[in-house]
PDB file of N, CA and C in Angstrom:
ATOM      1  N   MET A   1      51.497  13.812  15.806  1.00  0.00           N
ATOM      2  CA  MET A   1      50.428  13.365  16.621  1.00  0.00           C
ATOM      3  C   MET A   1      50.286  11.859  16.520  1.00  0.00           C
ATOM      4  N   THR A   2      50.250  11.241  17.664  1.00  0.00           N
ATOM      5  CA  THR A   2      50.106   9.792  17.644  1.00  0.00           C
ATOM      6  C   THR A   2      48.668   9.456  17.986  1.00  0.00           C
ATOM      7  N   SER A   3      48.163   8.518  17.285  1.00  0.00           N
ATOM      8  CA  SER A   3      46.783   8.105  17.579  1.00  0.00           C
ATOM      9  C   SER A   3      46.827   6.868  18.456  1.00  0.00           C
ATOM     10  N   SER A   4      45.869   6.828  19.377  1.00  0.00           N
ATOM     11  CA  SER A   4      45.823   5.676  20.274  1.00  0.00           C
ATOM     12  C   SER A   4      45.101   4.532  19.573  1.00  0.00           C
ATOM     13  N   PRO A   5      45.437   3.325  19.938  1.00  0.00           N
ATOM     14  CA  PRO A   5      44.783   2.193  19.277  1.00  0.00           C
ATOM     15  C   PRO A   5      43.295   2.140  19.654  1.00  0.00           C
ATOM     16  N   PRO A   6      42.451   1.642  18.771  1.00  0.00           N
ATOM     17  CA  PRO A   6      41.005   1.578  19.077  1.00  0.00           C
ATOM     18  C   PRO A   6      40.742   0.626  20.247  1.00  0.00           C
ATOM     19  N   LEU A   7      39.692   0.972  21.032  1.00  0.00           N
ATOM     20  CA  LEU A   7      39.342   0.151  22.195  1.00  0.00           C
ATOM     21  C   LEU A   7      38.529  -1.059  21.735  1.00  0.00           C
ATOM     22  N   THR A   8      38.773  -2.183  22.345  1.00  0.00           N
ATOM     23  CA  THR A   8      38.024  -3.394  22.013  1.00  0.00           C
ATOM     24  C   THR A   8      36.866  -3.551  22.994  1.00  0.00           C
ATOM     25  N   GLY A   9      35.955  -4.490  22.730  1.00  0.00           N
ATOM     26  CA  GLY A   9      34.802  -4.727  23.593  1.00  0.00           C
ATOM     27  C   GLY A   9      35.207  -5.121  24.995  1.00  0.00           C
ATOM     28  N   ALA A  10      36.256  -5.881  25.140  1.00  0.00           N
ATOM     29  CA  ALA A  10      36.715  -6.329  26.451  1.00  0.00           C
ATOM     30  C   ALA A  10      37.212  -5.149  27.272  1.00  0.00           C
ATOM     31  N   GLU A  11      37.794  -4.180  26.615  1.00  0.00           N
ATOM     32  CA  GLU A  11      38.317  -3.019  27.333  1.00  0.00           C
ATOM     33  C   GLU A  11      37.195  -2.076  27.754  1.00  0.00           C
ATOM     34  N   LEU A  12      36.041  -2.108  27.063  1.00  0.00           N
ATOM     35  CA  LEU A  12      34.908  -1.236  27.392  1.00  0.00           C
ATOM     36  C   LEU A  12      34.033  -1.820  28.488  1.00  0.00           C
ATOM     37  N   ALA A  13      34.016  -3.118  28.654  1.00  0.00           N
ATOM     38  CA  ALA A  13      33.138  -3.780  29.621  1.00  0.00           C
ATOM     39  C   ALA A  13      33.643  -3.545  31.038  1.00  0.00           C
ATOM     40  N   PRO A  14      32.704  -3.375  31.989  1.00  0.00           N
ATOM     41  CA  PRO A  14      33.115  -3.219  33.383  1.00  0.00           C
ATOM     42  C   PRO A  14      33.638  -4.555  33.912  1.00  0.00           C
ATOM     43  N   PRO A  15      34.418  -4.492  34.977  1.00  0.00           N
ATOM     44  CA  PRO A  15      34.963  -5.729  35.545  1.00  0.00           C
ATOM     45  C   PRO A  15      33.827  -6.638  36.035  1.00  0.00           C
ATOM     46  N   PRO A  16      34.065  -7.950  36.048  1.00  0.00           N
ATOM     47  CA  PRO A  16      33.019  -8.897  36.456  1.00  0.00           C
ATOM     48  C   PRO A  16      32.463  -8.622  37.846  1.00  0.00           C
ATOM     49  N   SER A  17      33.261  -8.191  38.766  1.00  0.00           N
ATOM     50  CA  SER A  17      32.760  -7.933  40.118  1.00  0.00           C
ATOM     51  C   SER A  17      31.751  -6.782  40.115  1.00  0.00           C
ATOM     52  N   ALA A  18      31.957  -5.789  39.255  1.00  0.00           N
ATOM     53  CA  ALA A  18      31.016  -4.675  39.155  1.00  0.00           C
ATOM     54  C   ALA A  18      29.701  -5.155  38.565  1.00  0.00           C
ATOM     55  N   VAL A  19      29.768  -6.038  37.575  1.00  0.00           N
ATOM     56  CA  VAL A  19      28.546  -6.583  36.965  1.00  0.00           C
ATOM     57  C   VAL A  19      27.782  -7.405  37.995  1.00  0.00           C
ATOM     58  N   GLU A  20      28.489  -8.233  38.753  1.00  0.00           N
ATOM     59  CA  GLU A  20      27.836  -9.038  39.783  1.00  0.00           C
ATOM     60  C   GLU A  20      27.183  -8.151  40.833  1.00  0.00           C
ATOM     61  N   SER A  21      27.864  -7.090  41.189  1.00  0.00           N
ATOM     62  CA  SER A  21      27.315  -6.164  42.169  1.00  0.00           C
ATOM     63  C   SER A  21      26.046  -5.493  41.633  1.00  0.00           C
ATOM     64  N   GLN A  22      26.088  -5.089  40.369  1.00  0.00           N
ATOM     65  CA  GLN A  22      24.910  -4.466  39.765  1.00  0.00           C
ATOM     66  C   GLN A  22      23.753  -5.453  39.680  1.00  0.00           C
ATOM     67  N   LEU A  23      24.053  -6.697  39.299  1.00  0.00           N
ATOM     68  CA  LEU A  23      23.008  -7.718  39.223  1.00  0.00           C
ATOM     69  C   LEU A  23      22.422  -8.007  40.603  1.00  0.00           C
ATOM     70  N   SER A  24      23.284  -8.095  41.598  1.00  0.00           N
ATOM     71  CA  SER A  24      22.807  -8.332  42.959  1.00  0.00           C
ATOM     72  C   SER A  24      21.905  -7.199  43.416  1.00  0.00           C
ATOM     73  N   SER A  25      22.310  -5.994  43.123  1.00  0.00           N
ATOM     74  CA  SER A  25      21.509  -4.831  43.496  1.00  0.00           C
ATOM     75  C   SER A  25      20.167  -4.844  42.767  1.00  0.00           C
ATOM     76  N   LEU A  26      20.193  -5.174  41.485  1.00  0.00           N
ATOM     77  CA  LEU A  26      18.967  -5.240  40.690  1.00  0.00           C
ATOM     78  C   LEU A  26      18.027  -6.315  41.225  1.00  0.00           C
ATOM     79  N   ILE A  27      18.570  -7.481  41.542  1.00  0.00           N
ATOM     80  CA  ILE A  27      17.762  -8.576  42.075  1.00  0.00           C
ATOM     81  C   ILE A  27      17.188  -8.196  43.437  1.00  0.00           C
ATOM     82  N   TYR A  28      17.989  -7.551  44.275  1.00  0.00           N
ATOM     83  CA  TYR A  28      17.501  -7.115  45.590  1.00  0.00           C
ATOM     84  C   TYR A  28      16.357  -6.117  45.435  1.00  0.00           C
ATOM     85  N   ASP A  29      16.534  -5.127  44.554  1.00  0.00           N
ATOM     86  CA  ASP A  29      15.471  -4.134  44.322  1.00  0.00           C
ATOM     87  C   ASP A  29      14.211  -4.797  43.798  1.00  0.00           C
ATOM     88  N   LEU A  30      14.372  -5.722  42.875  1.00  0.00           N
ATOM     89  CA  LEU A  30      13.227  -6.435  42.308  1.00  0.00           C
ATOM     90  C   LEU A  30      12.514  -7.244  43.389  1.00  0.00           C
ATOM     91  N   THR A  31      13.280  -7.905  44.240  1.00  0.00           N
ATOM     92  CA  THR A  31      12.704  -8.682  45.336  1.00  0.00           C
ATOM     93  C   THR A  31      11.915  -7.776  46.275  1.00  0.00           C
ATOM     94  N   GLN A  32      12.477  -6.616  46.588  1.00  0.00           N
ATOM     95  CA  GLN A  32      11.775  -5.678  47.465  1.00  0.00           C
ATOM     96  C   GLN A  32      10.467  -5.200  46.830  1.00  0.00           C
ATOM     97  N   ASN A  33      10.501  -4.904  45.536  1.00  0.00           N
ATOM     98  CA  ASN A  33       9.294  -4.457  44.834  1.00  0.00           C
ATOM     99  C   ASN A  33       8.230  -5.551  44.816  1.00  0.00           C
ATOM    100  N   VAL A  34       8.660  -6.787  44.590  1.00  0.00           N
ATOM    101  CA  VAL A  34       7.715  -7.912  44.591  1.00  0.00           C
ATOM    102  C   VAL A  34       7.124  -8.091  45.983  1.00  0.00           C
ATOM    103  N   GLN A  35       7.935  -7.953  47.009  1.00  0.00           N
ATOM    104  CA  GLN A  35       7.443  -8.101  48.386  1.00  0.00           C
ATOM    105  C   GLN A  35       6.405  -7.023  48.705  1.00  0.00           C
ATOM    106  N   VAL A  36       6.673  -5.791  48.318  1.00  0.00           N
ATOM    107  CA  VAL A  36       5.720  -4.697  48.550  1.00  0.00           C
ATOM    108  C   VAL A  36       4.424  -4.969  47.792  1.00  0.00           C
ATOM    109  N   ALA A  37       4.541  -5.419  46.545  1.00  0.00           N
ATOM    110  CA  ALA A  37       3.347  -5.719  45.750  1.00  0.00           C
ATOM    111  C   ALA A  37       2.540  -6.843  46.391  1.00  0.00           C
ATOM    112  N   MET A  38       3.216  -7.868  46.886  1.00  0.00           N
ATOM    113  CA  MET A  38       2.515  -8.982  47.525  1.00  0.00           C
ATOM    114  C   MET A  38       1.846  -8.536  48.827  1.00  0.00           C
ATOM    115  N   ASP A  39       2.511  -7.691  49.591  1.00  0.00           N
ATOM    116  CA  ASP A  39       1.906  -7.153  50.819  1.00  0.00           C
ATOM    117  C   ASP A  39       0.654  -6.355  50.484  1.00  0.00           C
ATOM    118  N   ASN A  40       0.729  -5.541  49.444  1.00  0.00           N
ATOM    119  CA  ASN A  40      -0.437  -4.752  49.030  1.00  0.00           C
ATOM    120  C   ASN A  40      -1.573  -5.660  48.570  1.00  0.00           C
ATOM    121  N   MET A  41      -1.237  -6.717  47.822  1.00  0.00           N
ATOM    122  CA  MET A  41      -2.275  -7.650  47.373  1.00  0.00           C
ATOM    123  C   MET A  41      -2.915  -8.360  48.561  1.00  0.00           C
ATOM    124  N   LEU A  42      -2.117  -8.728  49.557  1.00  0.00           N
ATOM    125  CA  LEU A  42      -2.656  -9.387  50.740  1.00  0.00           C
ATOM    126  C   LEU A  42      -3.618  -8.458  51.475  1.00  0.00           C
ATOM    127  N   LYS A  43      -3.259  -7.177  51.588  1.00  0.00           N
ATOM    128  CA  LYS A  43      -4.153  -6.201  52.218  1.00  0.00           C
ATOM    129  C   LYS A  43      -5.458  -6.097  51.439  1.00  0.00           C
ATOM    130  N   MET A  44      -5.364  -6.058  50.105  1.00  0.00           N
ATOM    131  CA  MET A  44      -6.573  -5.962  49.281  1.00  0.00           C
ATOM    132  C   MET A  44      -7.422  -7.225  49.417  1.00  0.00           C
ATOM    133  N   ILE A  45      -6.781  -8.383  49.463  1.00  0.00           N
ATOM    134  CA  ILE A  45      -7.527  -9.638  49.618  1.00  0.00           C
ATOM    135  C   ILE A  45      -8.268  -9.643  50.947  1.00  0.00           C
ATOM    136  N   ASN A  46      -7.603  -9.214  52.012  1.00  0.00           N
ATOM    137  CA  ASN A  46      -8.256  -9.156  53.320  1.00  0.00           C
ATOM    138  C   ASN A  46      -9.422  -8.177  53.311  1.00  0.00           C
ATOM    139  N   GLU A  47      -9.245  -7.041  52.659  1.00  0.00           N
ATOM    140  CA  GLU A  47     -10.326  -6.059  52.569  1.00  0.00           C
ATOM    141  C   GLU A  47     -11.499  -6.624  51.770  1.00  0.00           C
ATOM    142  N   ILE A  48     -11.198  -7.316  50.680  1.00  0.00           N
ATOM    143  CA  ILE A  48     -12.255  -7.928  49.862  1.00  0.00           C
ATOM    144  C   ILE A  48     -12.994  -8.985  50.673  1.00  0.00           C
ATOM    145  N   ASP A  49     -12.255  -9.810  51.417  1.00  0.00           N
ATOM    146  CA  ASP A  49     -12.890 -10.831  52.258  1.00  0.00           C
ATOM    147  C   ASP A  49     -13.811 -10.185  53.292  1.00  0.00           C
ATOM    148  N   HIS A  50     -13.335  -9.126  53.913  1.00  0.00           N
ATOM    149  CA  HIS A  50     -14.138  -8.426  54.919  1.00  0.00           C
ATOM    150  C   HIS A  50     -15.401  -7.854  54.283  1.00  0.00           C
ATOM    151  N   ASN A  51     -15.246  -7.194  53.133  1.00  0.00           N
ATOM    152  CA  ASN A  51     -16.403  -6.601  52.457  1.00  0.00           C
ATOM    153  C   ASN A  51     -17.374  -7.667  51.970  1.00  0.00           C
ATOM    154  N   SER A  52     -16.854  -8.768  51.454  1.00  0.00           N
ATOM    155  CA  SER A  52     -17.743  -9.811  50.947  1.00  0.00           C
ATOM    156  C   SER A  52     -18.518 -10.455  52.091  1.00  0.00           C
ATOM    157  N   ALA A  53     -17.906 -10.570  53.264  1.00  0.00           N
ATOM    158  CA  ALA A  53     -18.620 -11.110  54.423  1.00  0.00           C
ATOM    159  C   ALA A  53     -19.778 -10.192  54.793  1.00  0.00           C
ATOM    160  N   GLY A  54     -19.542  -8.885  54.757  1.00  0.00           N
ATOM    161  CA  GLY A  54     -20.615  -7.921  55.038  1.00  0.00           C
ATOM    162  C   GLY A  54     -21.723  -7.992  53.993  1.00  0.00           C
ATOM    163  N   ILE A  55     -21.342  -8.155  52.751  1.00  0.00           N
ATOM    164  CA  ILE A  55     -22.328  -8.250  51.675  1.00  0.00           C
ATOM    165  C   ILE A  55     -23.157  -9.524  51.836  1.00  0.00           C
ATOM    166  N   MET A  56     -22.500 -10.641  52.145  1.00  0.00           N
ATOM    167  CA  MET A  56     -23.229 -11.897  52.334  1.00  0.00           C
ATOM    168  C   MET A  56     -24.211 -11.790  53.505  1.00  0.00           C
ATOM    169  N   GLU A  57     -23.798 -11.094  54.553  1.00  0.00           N
ATOM    170  CA  GLU A  57     -24.683 -10.880  55.705  1.00  0.00           C
ATOM    171  C   GLU A  57     -25.905 -10.066  55.293  1.00  0.00           C
ATOM    172  N   GLU A  58     -25.707  -9.023  54.508  1.00  0.00           N
ATOM    173  CA  GLU A  58     -26.817  -8.202  54.034  1.00  0.00           C
ATOM    174  C   GLU A  58     -27.744  -9.010  53.121  1.00  0.00           C
ATOM    175  N   ILE A  59     -27.175  -9.879  52.289  1.00  0.00           N
ATOM    176  CA  ILE A  59     -27.993 -10.730  51.417  1.00  0.00           C
ATOM    177  C   ILE A  59     -28.871 -11.652  52.255  1.00  0.00           C
ATOM    178  N   GLU A  60     -28.291 -12.252  53.291  1.00  0.00           N
ATOM    179  CA  GLU A  60     -29.072 -13.134  54.164  1.00  0.00           C
ATOM    180  C   GLU A  60     -30.195 -12.370  54.855  1.00  0.00           C
ATOM    181  N   LYS A  61     -29.905 -11.161  55.327  1.00  0.00           N
ATOM    182  CA  LYS A  61     -30.948 -10.343  55.957  1.00  0.00           C
ATOM    183  C   LYS A  61     -32.058 -10.039  54.961  1.00  0.00           C
ATOM    184  N   SER A  62     -31.676  -9.731  53.723  1.00  0.00           N
ATOM    185  CA  SER A  62     -32.668  -9.431  52.689  1.00  0.00           C
ATOM    186  C   SER A  62     -33.516 -10.667  52.379  1.00  0.00           C
ATOM    187  N   LYS A  63     -32.871 -11.821  52.320  1.00  0.00           N
ATOM    188  CA  LYS A  63     -33.625 -13.062  52.085  1.00  0.00           C
ATOM    189  C   LYS A  63     -34.633 -13.298  53.201  1.00  0.00           C
ATOM    190  N   ASP A  64     -34.169 -13.146  54.441  1.00  0.00           N
ATOM    191  CA  ASP A  64     -35.058 -13.351  55.583  1.00  0.00           C
ATOM    192  C   ASP A  64     -36.227 -12.371  55.542  1.00  0.00           C
ATOM    193  N   SER A  65     -35.922 -11.125  55.225  1.00  0.00           N
ATOM    194  CA  SER A  65     -36.967 -10.105  55.145  1.00  0.00           C
ATOM    195  C   SER A  65     -37.953 -10.431  54.027  1.00  0.00           C
ATOM    196  N   ALA A  66     -37.462 -10.893  52.898  1.00  0.00           N
ATOM    197  CA  ALA A  66     -38.332 -11.246  51.774  1.00  0.00           C
ATOM    198  C   ALA A  66     -39.226 -12.428  52.129  1.00  0.00           C
ATOM    199  N   ILE A  67     -38.685 -13.404  52.838  1.00  0.00           N
ATOM    200  CA  ILE A  67     -39.487 -14.564  53.256  1.00  0.00           C
ATOM    201  C   ILE A  67     -40.577 -14.124  54.230  1.00  0.00           C
ATOM    202  N   GLU A  68     -40.230 -13.262  55.180  1.00  0.00           N
ATOM    203  CA  GLU A  68     -41.228 -12.751  56.132  1.00  0.00           C
ATOM    204  C   GLU A  68     -42.332 -11.980  55.409  1.00  0.00           C
ATOM    205  N   ARG A  69     -41.929 -11.158  54.465  1.00  0.00           N
ATOM    206  CA  ARG A  69     -42.916 -10.374  53.700  1.00  0.00           C
ATOM    207  C   ARG A  69     -43.817 -11.301  52.874  1.00  0.00           C
ATOM    208  N   LYS A  70     -43.235 -12.325  52.269  1.00  0.00           N
ATOM    209  CA  LYS A  70     -44.016 -13.292  51.485  1.00  0.00           C
ATOM    210  C   LYS A  70     -45.043 -13.990  52.373  1.00  0.00           C
ATOM    211  N   ASN A  71     -44.609 -14.435  53.552  1.00  0.00           N
ATOM    212  CA  ASN A  71     -45.526 -15.098  54.479  1.00  0.00           C
ATOM    213  C   ASN A  71     -46.652 -14.163  54.907  1.00  0.00           C
ATOM    214  N   HIS A  72     -46.310 -12.925  55.189  1.00  0.00           N
ATOM    215  CA  HIS A  72     -47.321 -11.939  55.587  1.00  0.00           C
ATOM    216  C   HIS A  72     -48.324 -11.711  54.447  1.00  0.00           C
ATOM    217  N   LEU A  73     -47.840 -11.587  53.222  1.00  0.00           N
ATOM    218  CA  LEU A  73     -48.734 -11.387  52.078  1.00  0.00           C
ATOM    219  C   LEU A  73     -49.629 -12.609  51.845  1.00  0.00           C
ATOM    220  N   GLU A  74     -49.087 -13.802  52.050  1.00  0.00           N
ATOM    221  CA  GLU A  74     -49.905 -15.008  51.905  1.00  0.00           C
ATOM    222  C   GLU A  74     -51.006 -15.053  52.955  1.00  0.00           C
ATOM    223  N   GLN A  75     -50.689 -14.624  54.188  1.00  0.00           N
ATOM    224  CA  GLN A  75     -51.712 -14.568  55.241  1.00  0.00           C
ATOM    225  C   GLN A  75     -52.798 -13.562  54.880  1.00  0.00           C
ATOM    226  N   GLU A  76     -52.392 -12.389  54.382  1.00  0.00           N
ATOM    227  CA  GLU A  76     -53.381 -11.389  53.971  1.00  0.00           C
ATOM    228  C   GLU A  76     -54.249 -11.910  52.840  1.00  0.00           C
ATOM    229  N   LYS A  77     -53.644 -12.615  51.897  1.00  0.00           N
ATOM    230  CA  LYS A  77     -54.389 -13.201  50.781  1.00  0.00           C
ATOM    231  C   LYS A  77     -55.429 -14.189  51.304  1.00  0.00           C
ATOM    232  N   ASP A  78     -55.025 -15.044  52.248  1.00  0.00           N
ATOM    233  CA  ASP A  78     -55.961 -16.009  52.831  1.00  0.00           C
ATOM    234  C   ASP A  78     -57.122 -15.308  53.526  1.00  0.00           C
ATOM    235  N   HIS A  79     -56.826 -14.224  54.268  1.00  0.00           N
ATOM    236  CA  HIS A  79     -57.895 -13.478  54.955  1.00  0.00           C
ATOM    237  C   HIS A  79     -58.868 -12.878  53.944  1.00  0.00           C
ATOM    238  N   PHE A  80     -58.339 -12.295  52.880  1.00  0.00           N
ATOM    239  CA  PHE A  80     -59.218 -11.706  51.861  1.00  0.00           C
ATOM    240  C   PHE A  80     -60.054 -12.782  51.163  1.00  0.00           C
ATOM    241  N   GLN A  81     -59.450 -13.937  50.892  1.00  0.00           N
ATOM    242  CA  GLN A  81     -60.208 -15.017  50.258  1.00  0.00           C
ATOM    243  C   GLN A  81     -61.332 -15.501  51.172  1.00  0.00           C
ATOM    244  N   LYS A  82     -61.043 -15.660  52.464  1.00  0.00           N
ATOM    245  CA  LYS A  82     -62.076 -16.090  53.419  1.00  0.00           C
ATOM    246  C   LYS A  82     -63.185 -15.058  53.497  1.00  0.00           C
ATOM    247  N   ALA A  83     -62.793 -13.783  53.525  1.00  0.00           N
ATOM    248  CA  ALA A  83     -63.809 -12.721  53.572  1.00  0.00           C
ATOM    249  C   ALA A  83     -64.650 -12.741  52.303  1.00  0.00           C
ATOM    250  N   ALA A  84     -64.034 -12.919  51.163  1.00  0.00           N
ATOM    251  CA  ALA A  84     -64.773 -12.958  49.893  1.00  0.00           C
ATOM    252  C   ALA A  84     -65.716 -14.154  49.852  1.00  0.00           C
ATOM    253  N   PHE A  85     -65.260 -15.326  50.312  1.00  0.00           N
ATOM    254  CA  PHE A  85     -66.125 -16.503  50.334  1.00  0.00           C
ATOM    255  C   PHE A  85     -67.290 -16.300  51.308  1.00  0.00           C
ATOM    256  N   SER A  86     -67.023 -15.653  52.434  1.00  0.00           N
ATOM    257  CA  SER A  86     -68.092 -15.380  53.402  1.00  0.00           C
ATOM    258  C   SER A  86     -69.144 -14.471  52.787  1.00  0.00           C
ATOM    259  N   ILE A  87     -68.698 -13.456  52.078  1.00  0.00           N
ATOM    260  CA  ILE A  87     -69.641 -12.527  51.436  1.00  0.00           C
ATOM    261  C   ILE A  87     -70.429 -13.260  50.357  1.00  0.00           C
ATOM    262  N   LEU A  88     -69.773 -14.075  49.561  1.00  0.00           N
ATOM    263  CA  LEU A  88     -70.466 -14.850  48.526  1.00  0.00           C
ATOM    264  C   LEU A  88     -71.497 -15.800  49.150  1.00  0.00           C
ATOM    265  N   ASP A  89     -71.143 -16.439  50.282  1.00  0.00           N
ATOM    266  CA  ASP A  89     -72.100 -17.322  50.974  1.00  0.00           C
ATOM    267  C   ASP A  89     -73.310 -16.533  51.451  1.00  0.00           C
ATOM    268  N   MET A  90     -73.074 -15.337  52.016  1.00  0.00           N
ATOM    269  CA  MET A  90     -74.196 -14.515  52.498  1.00  0.00           C
ATOM    270  C   MET A  90     -75.090 -14.089  51.335  1.00  0.00           C
ATOM    271  N   LEU A  91     -74.484 -13.766  50.196  1.00  0.00           N
ATOM    272  CA  LEU A  91     -75.266 -13.324  49.045  1.00  0.00           C
ATOM    273  C   LEU A  91     -76.044 -14.488  48.412  1.00  0.00           C
ATOM    274  N   ASN A  92     -75.554 -15.695  48.512  1.00  0.00           N
ATOM    275  CA  ASN A  92     -76.230 -16.854  47.927  1.00  0.00           C
ATOM    276  C   ASN A  92     -77.353 -17.376  48.802  1.00  0.00           C
ATOM    277  N   LYS A  93     -77.465 -16.952  50.019  1.00  0.00           N
ATOM    278  CA  LYS A  93     -78.519 -17.432  50.921  1.00  0.00           C
ATOM    279  C   LYS A  93     -79.779 -16.677  50.740  1.00  0.00           C
TER     280      LYS A  93
END
């Protein structure tokens, strides 16, 4: 029985063209994955912008409503104060 000589590292490695092909394929796949991720992030950014615009609009409406309510309460306060002063004047006479 004859034994074959042991294989060296150079004999086990794939040819350079195969390595280049594998690297090219890996880089292409990675590029595609990055592109998909960036597209998804852009969609999320647009959705966030849209939602934040709606939220800002609701905040402005709430501010306006709060200002109107404050003004109305101040008017009611003035009416009650005038009524109270009128009653006090009548009682002091």
